[in-house]
Amino acid sequence: MSIKRRVLAATATMTMVGGVGAVGLLPADAATPSCGTSCVTFYGQEYGAPFVLDVLRQGEKVGQPIILFRTSNSDPAEDFTIADQGTVDDFYNGGVDPLVSEALEFNYSGEEAYEVEYSPYGVDSGLCIGVGSTAGDDTPVALEPCGASSKTVWVVDDNDSAVAPYAWINGSDTNFTHPFVLHYPGTAYPTDMPRPQLNTYTLQQAGTPQTVYNNERWTGLTVP
């Protein structure tokens, strides 16, 4: 598949539904100066801008856990870029071997989808945020090879959230009624030791109208 289109943080800010006025992206100084405006900062609705997605101990290897950590412009573990962007249909039809399943294409073909690459100091690692096995409840989220499978693809779920921030459905999802999404453990706090690892979990909603739980809503991936 070849749909690689680098997205700058400034562009993502302008195109995000809900914009900075709701939650939005962090200022450019959330990334290291070397990564600068090429980087996008990601954080959740539950804890907000003070804690962002981070690679545990800056480990640049497959299986390295993804955590939340205090925002810093000197921590390369918080440097991420958009590796591939398009719709689910683009990921399905973008090459000889579809990166996502026919079932995902059938259910989410027009939804925006992304790969989020770890890029310490602005240098592409070839490793993206994903899962090592098919997403389910409590499946650990870690660094995985970019472009190798649907496990590193994230679909922006604007069907279940009227405005940003949105739930991110993992591309390996097999439950299209209650999809498996990026999730921060409900009993955890980012300063806990050992650092809590993000996982995937069934989409959680409550209230009238139904609202996605804050620990499953994330900034940084956009919809038109």
Protein backbone atom coordinates (compact mmCIF):
# COMPACT_ATOMS: atom_id res chain seq x y z
CA MET A 1 0.00 0.00 0.00
CA SER A 2 1.31 3.45 -0.84
CA ILE A 3 -0.81 6.25 0.59
CA LYS A 4 1.92 7.82 2.71
CA ARG A 5 1.03 11.44 3.35
CA ARG A 6 2.82 13.23 6.14
CA VAL A 7 0.46 15.41 8.18
CA LEU A 8 1.71 18.42 10.12
CA ALA A 9 0.32 19.20 13.55
CA ALA A 10 -0.83 22.60 12.34
CA THR A 11 -2.87 21.02 9.56
CA ALA A 12 -4.43 18.55 11.95
CA THR A 13 -5.43 21.41 14.24
CA MET A 14 -7.24 23.23 11.45
CA THR A 15 -9.12 20.17 10.21
CA MET A 16 -10.15 18.66 13.52
CA VAL A 17 -13.90 18.74 14.10
CA GLY A 18 -14.43 20.48 17.43
CA GLY A 19 -11.05 22.21 17.07
CA VAL A 20 -8.83 23.50 19.81
CA GLY A 21 -11.81 25.12 21.50
CA ALA A 22 -12.97 21.73 22.79
CA VAL A 23 -9.83 19.70 23.44
CA GLY A 24 -7.72 20.00 20.29
CA LEU A 25 -4.00 19.44 19.84
CA LEU A 26 -1.23 20.63 22.10
CA PRO A 27 1.04 23.52 21.09
CA ALA A 28 4.07 22.68 18.97
CA ASP A 29 6.37 22.69 22.04
CA ALA A 30 4.80 19.40 23.18
CA ALA A 31 7.24 17.68 20.78
CA THR A 32 11.03 17.82 20.85
CA PRO A 33 12.45 20.70 18.78
CA SER A 34 13.92 18.18 16.31
CA CYS A 35 10.46 16.80 15.54
CA GLY A 36 8.78 20.22 15.67
CA THR A 37 5.69 20.74 13.55
CA SER A 38 6.05 17.32 11.92
CA CYS A 39 4.91 15.78 15.20
CA VAL A 40 1.36 15.36 16.43
CA THR A 41 0.65 15.18 20.15
CA PHE A 42 -1.97 12.70 21.32
CA TYR A 43 -3.80 12.66 24.63
CA GLY A 44 -7.09 11.52 26.10
CA GLN A 45 -10.20 13.25 27.31
CA GLU A 46 -9.89 11.75 30.79
CA TYR A 47 -6.60 13.38 31.87
CA GLY A 48 -6.22 16.04 29.19
CA ALA A 49 -3.11 17.84 27.98
CA PRO A 50 -0.84 17.24 31.01
CA PHE A 51 -0.44 13.53 30.06
CA VAL A 52 0.27 12.43 26.49
CA LEU A 53 0.89 9.18 24.62
CA ASP A 54 4.43 8.02 25.29
CA VAL A 55 6.67 5.04 24.52
CA LEU A 56 7.78 3.48 27.80
CA ARG A 57 11.45 4.31 28.50
CA GLN A 58 11.94 5.43 24.87
CA GLY A 59 12.25 1.78 23.85
CA GLU A 60 12.42 1.58 20.06
CA LYS A 61 11.46 -2.06 19.62
CA VAL A 62 8.47 -4.22 18.78
CA GLY A 63 6.26 -4.79 21.80
CA GLN A 64 7.38 -1.70 23.72
CA PRO A 65 4.36 -0.54 25.78
CA ILE A 66 2.44 2.67 25.08
CA ILE A 67 1.65 4.66 28.23
CA LEU A 68 0.57 8.14 29.28
CA PHE A 69 3.37 10.38 30.58
CA ARG A 70 3.77 14.01 31.60
CA THR A 71 4.05 16.41 28.67
CA SER A 72 7.63 17.44 27.89
CA ASN A 73 9.38 19.04 24.93
CA SER A 74 12.58 17.18 25.77
CA ASP A 75 11.18 13.64 25.81
CA PRO A 76 11.54 11.92 22.41
CA ALA A 77 9.24 9.15 23.65
CA GLU A 78 6.36 11.56 22.97
CA ASP A 79 7.32 12.20 19.32
CA PHE A 80 4.78 10.70 16.92
CA THR A 81 3.96 11.40 13.29
CA ILE A 82 1.14 10.32 11.00
CA ALA A 83 2.65 7.56 8.88
CA ASP A 84 -0.34 6.74 6.66
CA GLN A 85 -3.64 8.55 6.32
CA GLY A 86 -6.76 7.95 4.26
CA THR A 87 -10.08 6.22 4.62
CA VAL A 88 -10.62 2.57 5.47
CA ASP A 89 -11.38 2.15 1.77
CA ASP A 90 -7.90 3.49 0.92
CA PHE A 91 -6.29 0.95 3.24
CA TYR A 92 -8.42 -1.82 1.70
CA ASN A 93 -7.82 -0.89 -1.93
CA GLY A 94 -4.37 0.69 -1.63
CA GLY A 95 -2.32 -2.34 -2.65
CA VAL A 96 -2.27 -5.88 -3.96
CA ASP A 97 -2.83 -7.25 -0.45
CA PRO A 98 -5.42 -5.26 1.50
CA LEU A 99 -4.10 -4.03 4.85
CA VAL A 100 -7.56 -4.29 6.46
CA SER A 101 -10.24 -6.96 6.29
CA GLU A 102 -13.21 -7.05 3.96
CA ALA A 103 -15.47 -6.89 7.04
CA LEU A 104 -13.80 -3.68 8.27
CA GLU A 105 -14.14 -2.24 4.76
CA PHE A 106 -17.83 -3.16 4.66
CA ASN A 107 -18.59 -1.50 8.00
CA TYR A 108 -16.28 1.54 7.93
CA SER A 109 -15.27 2.12 4.30
CA GLY A 110 -15.75 5.91 4.39
CA GLU A 111 -14.25 6.50 7.85
CA GLU A 112 -10.86 8.16 8.26
CA ALA A 113 -8.05 5.77 9.21
CA TYR A 114 -4.43 6.29 10.26
CA GLU A 115 -1.17 4.75 11.30
CA VAL A 116 0.67 6.61 14.08
CA GLU A 117 4.44 6.18 13.83
CA TYR A 118 6.96 6.59 16.65
CA SER A 119 9.44 9.23 15.41
CA PRO A 120 11.90 10.13 18.20
CA TYR A 121 13.59 13.46 17.42
CA GLY A 122 11.71 13.43 14.12
CA VAL A 123 13.33 10.23 12.81
CA ASP A 124 10.91 7.58 11.52
CA SER A 125 11.30 4.30 13.40
CA GLY A 126 9.11 2.08 11.21
CA LEU A 127 7.17 1.22 14.36
CA CYS A 128 3.57 2.30 14.90
CA ILE A 129 1.09 2.25 17.77
CA GLY A 130 -0.85 -0.99 17.54
CA VAL A 131 -1.54 -4.41 19.01
CA GLY A 132 0.43 -7.63 18.68
CA SER A 133 -2.66 -9.80 18.31
CA THR A 134 -6.24 -9.28 17.15
CA ALA A 135 -7.86 -6.58 19.29
CA GLY A 136 -10.11 -7.69 22.14
CA ASP A 137 -10.72 -6.77 25.75
CA ASP A 138 -7.44 -5.93 27.54
CA THR A 139 -5.22 -6.49 24.48
CA PRO A 140 -1.97 -4.56 25.22
CA VAL A 141 -1.15 -1.58 22.99
CA ALA A 142 2.51 -1.32 22.02
CA LEU A 143 4.87 -0.55 19.15
CA GLU A 144 4.36 -2.84 16.16
CA PRO A 145 5.76 -2.79 12.59
CA CYS A 146 4.06 -0.12 10.49
CA GLY A 147 2.25 -1.21 7.35
CA ALA A 148 2.43 -4.91 8.14
CA SER A 149 -1.16 -5.58 9.16
CA SER A 150 -4.45 -4.06 10.26
CA LYS A 151 -3.23 -4.14 13.86
CA THR A 152 -1.52 -0.74 13.49
CA VAL A 153 -4.48 0.92 11.75
CA TRP A 154 -6.82 3.14 13.79
CA VAL A 155 -10.26 4.16 12.55
CA VAL A 156 -11.72 7.46 13.79
CA ASP A 157 -15.11 6.61 15.26
CA ASP A 158 -17.17 9.74 14.59
CA ASN A 159 -20.34 7.63 14.52
CA ASP A 160 -20.38 7.19 18.30
CA SER A 161 -19.12 10.70 19.19
CA ALA A 162 -20.84 13.77 17.79
CA VAL A 163 -17.72 15.92 18.26
CA ALA A 164 -14.02 15.43 18.96
CA PRO A 165 -12.30 13.84 20.75
CA TYR A 166 -13.21 10.48 19.24
CA ALA A 167 -12.80 6.81 20.02
CA TRP A 168 -10.16 5.04 17.89
CA ILE A 169 -11.23 1.62 16.59
CA ASN A 170 -8.37 -0.79 16.01
CA GLY A 171 -8.14 -2.01 12.42
CA SER A 172 -8.08 -5.67 13.48
CA ASP A 173 -11.54 -5.26 15.07
CA THR A 174 -13.97 -8.12 14.54
CA ASN A 175 -16.91 -6.82 16.60
CA PHE A 176 -18.75 -4.21 14.57
CA THR A 177 -21.64 -3.74 16.99
CA HIS A 178 -19.41 -3.04 19.99
CA PRO A 179 -15.97 -2.35 18.49
CA PHE A 180 -12.65 -2.67 20.29
CA VAL A 181 -11.09 0.76 20.81
CA LEU A 182 -8.01 2.41 22.34
CA HIS A 183 -8.58 2.39 26.10
CA TYR A 184 -6.85 3.63 29.23
CA PRO A 185 -7.37 1.24 32.18
CA GLY A 186 -10.25 2.51 34.28
CA THR A 187 -8.63 2.06 37.68
CA ALA A 188 -5.23 3.45 36.65
CA TYR A 189 -3.56 6.87 36.85
CA PRO A 190 -0.60 7.96 34.67
CA THR A 191 1.78 8.37 37.63
CA ASP A 192 1.11 4.86 38.97
CA MET A 193 4.07 2.49 39.16
CA PRO A 194 4.61 0.40 37.17
CA ARG A 195 3.26 2.68 34.45
CA PRO A 196 -0.16 1.47 33.25
CA GLN A 197 -0.13 0.30 29.64
CA LEU A 198 -2.89 1.28 27.23
CA ASN A 199 -4.97 -1.51 25.79
CA THR A 200 -7.98 -2.13 23.58
CA TYR A 201 -11.40 -2.66 25.07
CA THR A 202 -15.05 -2.82 24.05
CA LEU A 203 -16.45 0.65 23.35
CA GLN A 204 -18.05 1.92 26.56
CA GLN A 205 -20.99 4.36 26.53
CA ALA A 206 -23.39 5.75 29.12
CA GLY A 207 -26.09 8.40 29.55
CA THR A 208 -28.81 9.83 27.35
CA PRO A 209 -27.82 10.43 24.66
CA GLN A 210 -25.13 7.77 24.79
CA THR A 211 -21.65 9.25 25.36
CA VAL A 212 -18.33 7.43 24.96
CA TYR A 213 -16.37 7.15 28.21
CA ASN A 214 -13.59 9.72 28.59
CA ASN A 215 -10.88 7.05 28.86
CA GLU A 216 -11.75 5.95 25.29
CA ARG A 217 -11.74 9.38 23.61
CA TRP A 218 -8.52 10.69 22.06
CA THR A 219 -7.24 13.78 20.26
CA GLY A 220 -4.99 14.02 17.25
CA LEU A 221 -6.72 11.99 14.51
CA THR A 222 -9.05 14.06 12.37
CA VAL A 223 -12.18 13.81 10.30
CA PRO A 224 -13.07 16.08 7.36
